[in-house]
């Protein structure tokens, strides 16, 4: 059940190329890495937004195509993922603000670290929401989800029942390995904007998880 599909192989190849390009510019042309490769509305940020939106679309498909075959808790879990990934994709591009040339309201101009219309760059007092929630807390959740829950799901019946009941996809080991390798490759990049590449890696890996999880029966008719 952990065999790589053709889609997995293509996705990991693309991700590997992105990591190598990032490392190359990170060590040879830091200015281009920061102001070109990972710039706001640049290729990396758009790649992240697209991958998150793809997970949203896939979840919508699951909800509507399996609605009559699944129970209420499964529908609730899938709906939660729809909201989560739509929100994440919108936040990544500041809800299209720069695309459509929309000026931020007074609240966001005063309380957003970048003066943009999004929540993850808000500053409360001296605390950046992005650092507290979207970095530290989210990283903790990702570590638990990608490294701990695969063991628990395979060992504990109550974990299997809970995840399957709420339509929570379980990672395969190659997803976990990709996460670990990606973490190492990003960590050695000297740029302060290297985490933009990390977000893209997360987006792509999550798309693969939702596309073909270890417990893929949750996306099958009962």
C-alpha atoms as a PDB file:
ATOM      1  CA  UNK A   1       0.000   0.000   0.000  1.00  0.00           C
ATOM      2  CA  UNK A   2       3.076   2.236   0.161  1.00  0.00           C
ATOM      3  CA  UNK A   3       4.129   1.769  -3.471  1.00  0.00           C
ATOM      4  CA  UNK A   4       4.790   4.992  -5.339  1.00  0.00           C
ATOM      5  CA  UNK A   5       2.268   5.784  -8.041  1.00  0.00           C
ATOM      6  CA  UNK A   6       3.188   7.525 -11.278  1.00  0.00           C
ATOM      7  CA  UNK A   7       1.720  10.741  -9.875  1.00  0.00           C
ATOM      8  CA  UNK A   8       3.870  10.385  -6.744  1.00  0.00           C
ATOM      9  CA  UNK A   9       7.026   9.944  -8.803  1.00  0.00           C
ATOM     10  CA  UNK A  10       6.286  12.976 -10.986  1.00  0.00           C
ATOM     11  CA  UNK A  11       5.405  15.113  -7.962  1.00  0.00           C
ATOM     12  CA  UNK A  12       8.561  14.167  -6.058  1.00  0.00           C
ATOM     13  CA  UNK A  13      10.688  14.798  -9.125  1.00  0.00           C
ATOM     14  CA  UNK A  14       9.209  18.286  -9.489  1.00  0.00           C
ATOM     15  CA  UNK A  15       9.640  18.932  -5.773  1.00  0.00           C
ATOM     16  CA  UNK A  16      13.258  17.763  -5.935  1.00  0.00           C
ATOM     17  CA  UNK A  17      13.956  20.169  -8.797  1.00  0.00           C
ATOM     18  CA  UNK A  18      12.394  23.026  -6.821  1.00  0.00           C
ATOM     19  CA  UNK A  19      14.531  22.200  -3.788  1.00  0.00           C
ATOM     20  CA  UNK A  20      17.705  22.061  -5.885  1.00  0.00           C
ATOM     21  CA  UNK A  21      16.923  25.368  -7.603  1.00  0.00           C
ATOM     22  CA  UNK A  22      16.218  26.909  -4.213  1.00  0.00           C
ATOM     23  CA  UNK A  23      19.494  25.647  -2.775  1.00  0.00           C
ATOM     24  CA  UNK A  24      21.433  26.810  -5.826  1.00  0.00           C
ATOM     25  CA  UNK A  25      20.151  30.377  -5.618  1.00  0.00           C
ATOM     26  CA  UNK A  26      20.207  30.323  -1.838  1.00  0.00           C
ATOM     27  CA  UNK A  27      23.958  29.766  -1.887  1.00  0.00           C
ATOM     28  CA  UNK A  28      24.915  31.605  -5.079  1.00  0.00           C
ATOM     29  CA  UNK A  29      22.458  34.488  -5.496  1.00  0.00           C
ATOM     30  CA  UNK A  30      20.623  35.243  -2.276  1.00  0.00           C
ATOM     31  CA  UNK A  31      19.161  38.437  -3.689  1.00  0.00           C
ATOM     32  CA  UNK A  32      17.431  36.591  -6.543  1.00  0.00           C
ATOM     33  CA  UNK A  33      16.199  33.881  -4.173  1.00  0.00           C
ATOM     34  CA  UNK A  34      14.589  36.507  -1.932  1.00  0.00           C
ATOM     35  CA  UNK A  35      13.340  38.975  -4.551  1.00  0.00           C
ATOM     36  CA  UNK A  36      12.630  36.646  -7.462  1.00  0.00           C
ATOM     37  CA  UNK A  37      12.217  32.988  -6.606  1.00  0.00           C
ATOM     38  CA  UNK A  38      10.322  33.393  -3.315  1.00  0.00           C
ATOM     39  CA  UNK A  39       9.015  36.940  -3.756  1.00  0.00           C
ATOM     40  CA  UNK A  40       5.379  37.734  -2.954  1.00  0.00           C
ATOM     41  CA  UNK A  41       3.224  36.575  -5.913  1.00  0.00           C
ATOM     42  CA  UNK A  42       6.281  34.767  -7.256  1.00  0.00           C
ATOM     43  CA  UNK A  43       6.448  31.197  -8.608  1.00  0.00           C
ATOM     44  CA  UNK A  44       6.890  29.522  -5.220  1.00  0.00           C
ATOM     45  CA  UNK A  45       4.018  31.356  -3.543  1.00  0.00           C
ATOM     46  CA  UNK A  46       1.706  30.709  -6.476  1.00  0.00           C
ATOM     47  CA  UNK A  47       2.743  27.055  -6.507  1.00  0.00           C
ATOM     48  CA  UNK A  48       1.768  26.782  -2.850  1.00  0.00           C
ATOM     49  CA  UNK A  49      -1.600  28.456  -3.402  1.00  0.00           C
ATOM     50  CA  UNK A  50      -2.364  26.205  -6.377  1.00  0.00           C
ATOM     51  CA  UNK A  51      -1.533  23.020  -4.469  1.00  0.00           C
ATOM     52  CA  UNK A  52      -3.670  24.071  -1.499  1.00  0.00           C
ATOM     53  CA  UNK A  53      -6.519  24.939  -3.852  1.00  0.00           C
ATOM     54  CA  UNK A  54      -6.165  21.517  -5.507  1.00  0.00           C
ATOM     55  CA  UNK A  55      -6.647  19.841  -2.112  1.00  0.00           C
ATOM     56  CA  UNK A  56      -9.737  22.018  -1.639  1.00  0.00           C
ATOM     57  CA  UNK A  57     -11.141  20.966  -5.039  1.00  0.00           C
ATOM     58  CA  UNK A  58     -10.363  17.308  -4.347  1.00  0.00           C
ATOM     59  CA  UNK A  59     -12.160  17.507  -0.994  1.00  0.00           C
ATOM     60  CA  UNK A  60     -15.194  19.120  -2.626  1.00  0.00           C
ATOM     61  CA  UNK A  61     -15.234  16.273  -5.147  1.00  0.00           C
ATOM     62  CA  UNK A  62     -15.080  13.696  -2.361  1.00  0.00           C
ATOM     63  CA  UNK A  63     -17.909  15.370  -0.463  1.00  0.00           C
ATOM     64  CA  UNK A  64     -20.338  15.551  -3.369  1.00  0.00           C
ATOM     65  CA  UNK A  65     -19.465  12.253  -5.034  1.00  0.00           C
ATOM     66  CA  UNK A  66     -19.690  10.244  -1.802  1.00  0.00           C
ATOM     67  CA  UNK A  67     -22.316  12.230   0.102  1.00  0.00           C
ATOM     68  CA  UNK A  68     -25.057   9.594  -0.059  1.00  0.00           C
ATOM     69  CA  UNK A  69     -22.670   6.761   0.769  1.00  0.00           C
ATOM     70  CA  UNK A  70     -21.143   8.257   3.910  1.00  0.00           C
ATOM     71  CA  UNK A  71     -22.293   9.049   7.439  1.00  0.00           C
ATOM     72  CA  UNK A  72     -22.647  12.452   9.070  1.00  0.00           C
ATOM     73  CA  UNK A  73     -19.250  12.483  10.808  1.00  0.00           C
ATOM     74  CA  UNK A  74     -17.465  11.673   7.537  1.00  0.00           C
ATOM     75  CA  UNK A  75     -19.281  14.546   5.846  1.00  0.00           C
ATOM     76  CA  UNK A  76     -18.408  16.856   8.732  1.00  0.00           C
ATOM     77  CA  UNK A  77     -14.718  15.949   8.570  1.00  0.00           C
ATOM     78  CA  UNK A  78     -14.584  16.424   4.801  1.00  0.00           C
ATOM     79  CA  UNK A  79     -16.395  19.757   5.070  1.00  0.00           C
ATOM     80  CA  UNK A  80     -13.827  20.865   7.661  1.00  0.00           C
ATOM     81  CA  UNK A  81     -11.005  20.103   5.217  1.00  0.00           C
ATOM     82  CA  UNK A  82     -12.816  22.024   2.481  1.00  0.00           C
ATOM     83  CA  UNK A  83     -12.984  25.122   4.675  1.00  0.00           C
ATOM     84  CA  UNK A  84      -9.406  24.673   5.934  1.00  0.00           C
ATOM     85  CA  UNK A  85      -7.733  24.378   2.537  1.00  0.00           C
ATOM     86  CA  UNK A  86      -9.859  27.065   0.902  1.00  0.00           C
ATOM     87  CA  UNK A  87      -8.848  29.400   3.725  1.00  0.00           C
ATOM     88  CA  UNK A  88      -5.190  28.396   3.433  1.00  0.00           C
ATOM     89  CA  UNK A  89      -5.131  28.953  -0.339  1.00  0.00           C
ATOM     90  CA  UNK A  90      -6.828  32.334  -0.007  1.00  0.00           C
ATOM     91  CA  UNK A  91      -4.488  33.448   2.761  1.00  0.00           C
ATOM     92  CA  UNK A  92      -1.448  32.468   0.702  1.00  0.00           C
ATOM     93  CA  UNK A  93      -2.264  35.059  -1.968  1.00  0.00           C
ATOM     94  CA  UNK A  94      -3.915  37.534   0.440  1.00  0.00           C
ATOM     95  CA  UNK A  95      -7.288  36.709  -1.120  1.00  0.00           C
ATOM     96  CA  UNK A  96      -6.225  38.108  -4.489  1.00  0.00           C
ATOM     97  CA  UNK A  97      -5.606  41.572  -3.091  1.00  0.00           C
ATOM     98  CA  UNK A  98      -2.450  42.217  -5.096  1.00  0.00           C
ATOM     99  CA  UNK A  99      -3.913  40.596  -8.198  1.00  0.00           C
ATOM    100  CA  UNK A 100      -6.918  42.913  -8.295  1.00  0.00           C
ATOM    101  CA  UNK A 101      -5.134  45.939  -6.825  1.00  0.00           C
ATOM    102  CA  UNK A 102      -7.398  46.123  -3.767  1.00  0.00           C
ATOM    103  CA  UNK A 103      -6.135  48.406  -1.016  1.00  0.00           C
ATOM    104  CA  UNK A 104      -6.139  47.076   2.543  1.00  0.00           C
ATOM    105  CA  UNK A 105      -8.552  48.569   5.058  1.00  0.00           C
ATOM    106  CA  UNK A 106      -7.340  50.680   7.947  1.00  0.00           C
ATOM    107  CA  UNK A 107      -7.376  47.747  10.381  1.00  0.00           C
ATOM    108  CA  UNK A 108      -5.043  45.618   8.269  1.00  0.00           C
ATOM    109  CA  UNK A 109      -2.781  48.551   7.438  1.00  0.00           C
ATOM    110  CA  UNK A 110      -2.266  49.143  11.149  1.00  0.00           C
ATOM    111  CA  UNK A 111      -2.213  45.557  12.428  1.00  0.00           C
ATOM    112  CA  UNK A 112      -0.775  43.505   9.580  1.00  0.00           C
ATOM    113  CA  UNK A 113       3.008  43.108   9.364  1.00  0.00           C
ATOM    114  CA  UNK A 114       2.855  43.497   5.564  1.00  0.00           C
ATOM    115  CA  UNK A 115      -0.165  45.808   5.409  1.00  0.00           C
ATOM    116  CA  UNK A 116      -2.118  43.098   3.572  1.00  0.00           C
ATOM    117  CA  UNK A 117      -5.619  41.695   3.909  1.00  0.00           C
ATOM    118  CA  UNK A 118      -4.864  38.384   5.557  1.00  0.00           C
ATOM    119  CA  UNK A 119      -4.882  36.909   9.032  1.00  0.00           C
ATOM    120  CA  UNK A 120      -1.561  35.072   9.154  1.00  0.00           C
ATOM    121  CA  UNK A 121       0.482  38.289   9.091  1.00  0.00           C
ATOM    122  CA  UNK A 122      -1.493  40.017  11.839  1.00  0.00           C
ATOM    123  CA  UNK A 123       0.438  41.433  14.783  1.00  0.00           C
ATOM    124  CA  UNK A 124      -1.157  41.390  18.238  1.00  0.00           C
ATOM    125  CA  UNK A 125       0.902  43.525  20.596  1.00  0.00           C
ATOM    126  CA  UNK A 126       4.449  42.418  19.886  1.00  0.00           C
ATOM    127  CA  UNK A 127       3.440  38.937  18.770  1.00  0.00           C
ATOM    128  CA  UNK A 128       3.201  37.940  15.120  1.00  0.00           C
ATOM    129  CA  UNK A 129       0.317  35.537  14.526  1.00  0.00           C
ATOM    130  CA  UNK A 130       2.281  33.982  11.672  1.00  0.00           C
ATOM    131  CA  UNK A 131       5.148  33.056  13.990  1.00  0.00           C
ATOM    132  CA  UNK A 132       2.982  31.861  16.873  1.00  0.00           C
ATOM    133  CA  UNK A 133       0.219  29.958  15.110  1.00  0.00           C
ATOM    134  CA  UNK A 134       1.166  29.443  11.480  1.00  0.00           C
ATOM    135  CA  UNK A 135       4.778  28.525  12.252  1.00  0.00           C
ATOM    136  CA  UNK A 136       5.263  27.091  15.725  1.00  0.00           C
ATOM    137  CA  UNK A 137       1.836  25.591  16.398  1.00  0.00           C
ATOM    138  CA  UNK A 138       1.300  24.439  12.817  1.00  0.00           C
ATOM    139  CA  UNK A 139       4.742  22.823  12.762  1.00  0.00           C
ATOM    140  CA  UNK A 140       3.893  20.893  15.930  1.00  0.00           C
ATOM    141  CA  UNK A 141       0.654  19.672  14.384  1.00  0.00           C
ATOM    142  CA  UNK A 142       2.460  18.651  11.192  1.00  0.00           C
ATOM    143  CA  UNK A 143       5.118  16.718  13.099  1.00  0.00           C
ATOM    144  CA  UNK A 144       2.434  14.821  15.026  1.00  0.00           C
ATOM    145  CA  UNK A 145       0.374  14.176  11.893  1.00  0.00           C
ATOM    146  CA  UNK A 146       3.269  13.113   9.647  1.00  0.00           C
ATOM    147  CA  UNK A 147       5.502  11.314  12.146  1.00  0.00           C
ATOM    148  CA  UNK A 148       3.370  10.091  15.060  1.00  0.00           C
ATOM    149  CA  UNK A 149      -0.105   9.287  13.755  1.00  0.00           C
ATOM    150  CA  UNK A 150       1.100   6.814  11.072  1.00  0.00           C
ATOM    151  CA  UNK A 151       2.380   4.589  13.902  1.00  0.00           C
ATOM    152  CA  UNK A 152      -0.736   5.046  16.016  1.00  0.00           C
ATOM    153  CA  UNK A 153      -3.076   4.347  13.110  1.00  0.00           C
ATOM    154  CA  UNK A 154      -1.329   1.062  12.385  1.00  0.00           C
ATOM    155  CA  UNK A 155      -1.197   0.003  16.047  1.00  0.00           C
ATOM    156  CA  UNK A 156      -4.344   1.328  17.746  1.00  0.00           C
ATOM    157  CA  UNK A 157      -7.852   0.350  16.700  1.00  0.00           C
ATOM    158  CA  UNK A 158      -9.433   3.432  18.299  1.00  0.00           C
ATOM    159  CA  UNK A 159      -7.155   5.696  16.242  1.00  0.00           C
ATOM    160  CA  UNK A 160      -8.086   3.866  13.042  1.00  0.00           C
ATOM    161  CA  UNK A 161     -11.770   4.163  13.877  1.00  0.00           C
ATOM    162  CA  UNK A 162     -11.499   7.877  14.720  1.00  0.00           C
ATOM    163  CA  UNK A 163      -9.552   8.815  11.591  1.00  0.00           C
ATOM    164  CA  UNK A 164     -11.747   6.791   9.247  1.00  0.00           C
ATOM    165  CA  UNK A 165     -14.938   8.079  10.839  1.00  0.00           C
ATOM    166  CA  UNK A 166     -13.945  11.725  10.291  1.00  0.00           C
ATOM    167  CA  UNK A 167     -12.382  11.147   6.840  1.00  0.00           C
ATOM    168  CA  UNK A 168      -8.850  12.025   7.967  1.00  0.00           C
ATOM    169  CA  UNK A 169      -6.315  10.785   5.387  1.00  0.00           C
ATOM    170  CA  UNK A 170      -3.382   8.862   6.850  1.00  0.00           C
ATOM    171  CA  UNK A 171       0.075   9.353   5.381  1.00  0.00           C
ATOM    172  CA  UNK A 172       2.073   6.619   3.729  1.00  0.00           C
ATOM    173  CA  UNK A 173       5.691   6.222   4.736  1.00  0.00           C
ATOM    174  CA  UNK A 174       6.969   7.880   1.562  1.00  0.00           C
ATOM    175  CA  UNK A 175       5.021  11.005   2.539  1.00  0.00           C
ATOM    176  CA  UNK A 176       6.795  11.008   5.901  1.00  0.00           C
ATOM    177  CA  UNK A 177      10.186  10.452   4.260  1.00  0.00           C
ATOM    178  CA  UNK A 178       9.526  13.304   1.827  1.00  0.00           C
ATOM    179  CA  UNK A 179       8.677  15.571   4.774  1.00  0.00           C
ATOM    180  CA  UNK A 180      11.923  14.688   6.574  1.00  0.00           C
ATOM    181  CA  UNK A 181      14.093  15.139   3.486  1.00  0.00           C
ATOM    182  CA  UNK A 182      12.343  18.415   2.664  1.00  0.00           C
ATOM    183  CA  UNK A 183      12.922  19.685   6.191  1.00  0.00           C
ATOM    184  CA  UNK A 184      16.662  18.999   5.919  1.00  0.00           C
ATOM    185  CA  UNK A 185      16.996  20.595   2.478  1.00  0.00           C
ATOM    186  CA  UNK A 186      15.129  23.718   3.554  1.00  0.00           C
ATOM    187  CA  UNK A 187      16.991  23.990   6.865  1.00  0.00           C
ATOM    188  CA  UNK A 188      20.398  24.246   5.162  1.00  0.00           C
ATOM    189  CA  UNK A 189      19.288  27.064   2.878  1.00  0.00           C
ATOM    190  CA  UNK A 190      20.794  30.336   4.218  1.00  0.00           C
ATOM    191  CA  UNK A 191      17.888  32.565   3.139  1.00  0.00           C
ATOM    192  CA  UNK A 192      15.386  33.863   5.664  1.00  0.00           C
ATOM    193  CA  UNK A 193      12.673  33.299   3.032  1.00  0.00           C
ATOM    194  CA  UNK A 194      13.482  29.599   2.675  1.00  0.00           C
ATOM    195  CA  UNK A 195      10.250  28.724   4.480  1.00  0.00           C
ATOM    196  CA  UNK A 196       8.303  29.777   1.389  1.00  0.00           C
ATOM    197  CA  UNK A 197       9.751  26.691  -0.301  1.00  0.00           C
ATOM    198  CA  UNK A 198       8.796  24.632   2.742  1.00  0.00           C
ATOM    199  CA  UNK A 199       5.180  25.766   2.384  1.00  0.00           C
ATOM    200  CA  UNK A 200       5.180  24.676  -1.243  1.00  0.00           C
ATOM    201  CA  UNK A 201       6.517  21.273  -0.216  1.00  0.00           C
ATOM    202  CA  UNK A 202       3.744  20.951   2.361  1.00  0.00           C
ATOM    203  CA  UNK A 203       1.112  21.869  -0.221  1.00  0.00           C
ATOM    204  CA  UNK A 204       2.335  19.283  -2.718  1.00  0.00           C
ATOM    205  CA  UNK A 205       2.757  16.521  -0.141  1.00  0.00           C
ATOM    206  CA  UNK A 206      -0.715  17.148   1.263  1.00  0.00           C
ATOM    207  CA  UNK A 207      -2.196  16.925  -2.216  1.00  0.00           C
ATOM    208  CA  UNK A 208      -0.547  13.513  -2.619  1.00  0.00           C
ATOM    209  CA  UNK A 209      -1.857  12.421   0.790  1.00  0.00           C
ATOM    210  CA  UNK A 210      -5.439  13.386  -0.039  1.00  0.00           C
ATOM    211  CA  UNK A 211      -5.151  11.894  -3.507  1.00  0.00           C
ATOM    212  CA  UNK A 212      -3.997   8.467  -2.357  1.00  0.00           C
ATOM    213  CA  UNK A 213      -3.837   8.042   1.441  1.00  0.00           C
ATOM    214  CA  UNK A 214      -2.879   4.885   3.341  1.00  0.00           C
ATOM    215  CA  UNK A 215      -6.523   4.515   4.393  1.00  0.00           C
ATOM    216  CA  UNK A 216      -7.850   5.158   0.897  1.00  0.00           C
ATOM    217  CA  UNK A 217     -11.033   3.229   1.716  1.00  0.00           C
ATOM    218  CA  UNK A 218     -12.340   6.419   3.323  1.00  0.00           C
ATOM    219  CA  UNK A 219     -12.761   7.750  -0.206  1.00  0.00           C
ATOM    220  CA  UNK A 220     -14.520   4.660  -1.496  1.00  0.00           C
ATOM    221  CA  UNK A 221     -18.235   3.849  -1.586  1.00  0.00           C
ATOM    222  CA  UNK A 222     -19.492   1.806   1.349  1.00  0.00           C
END
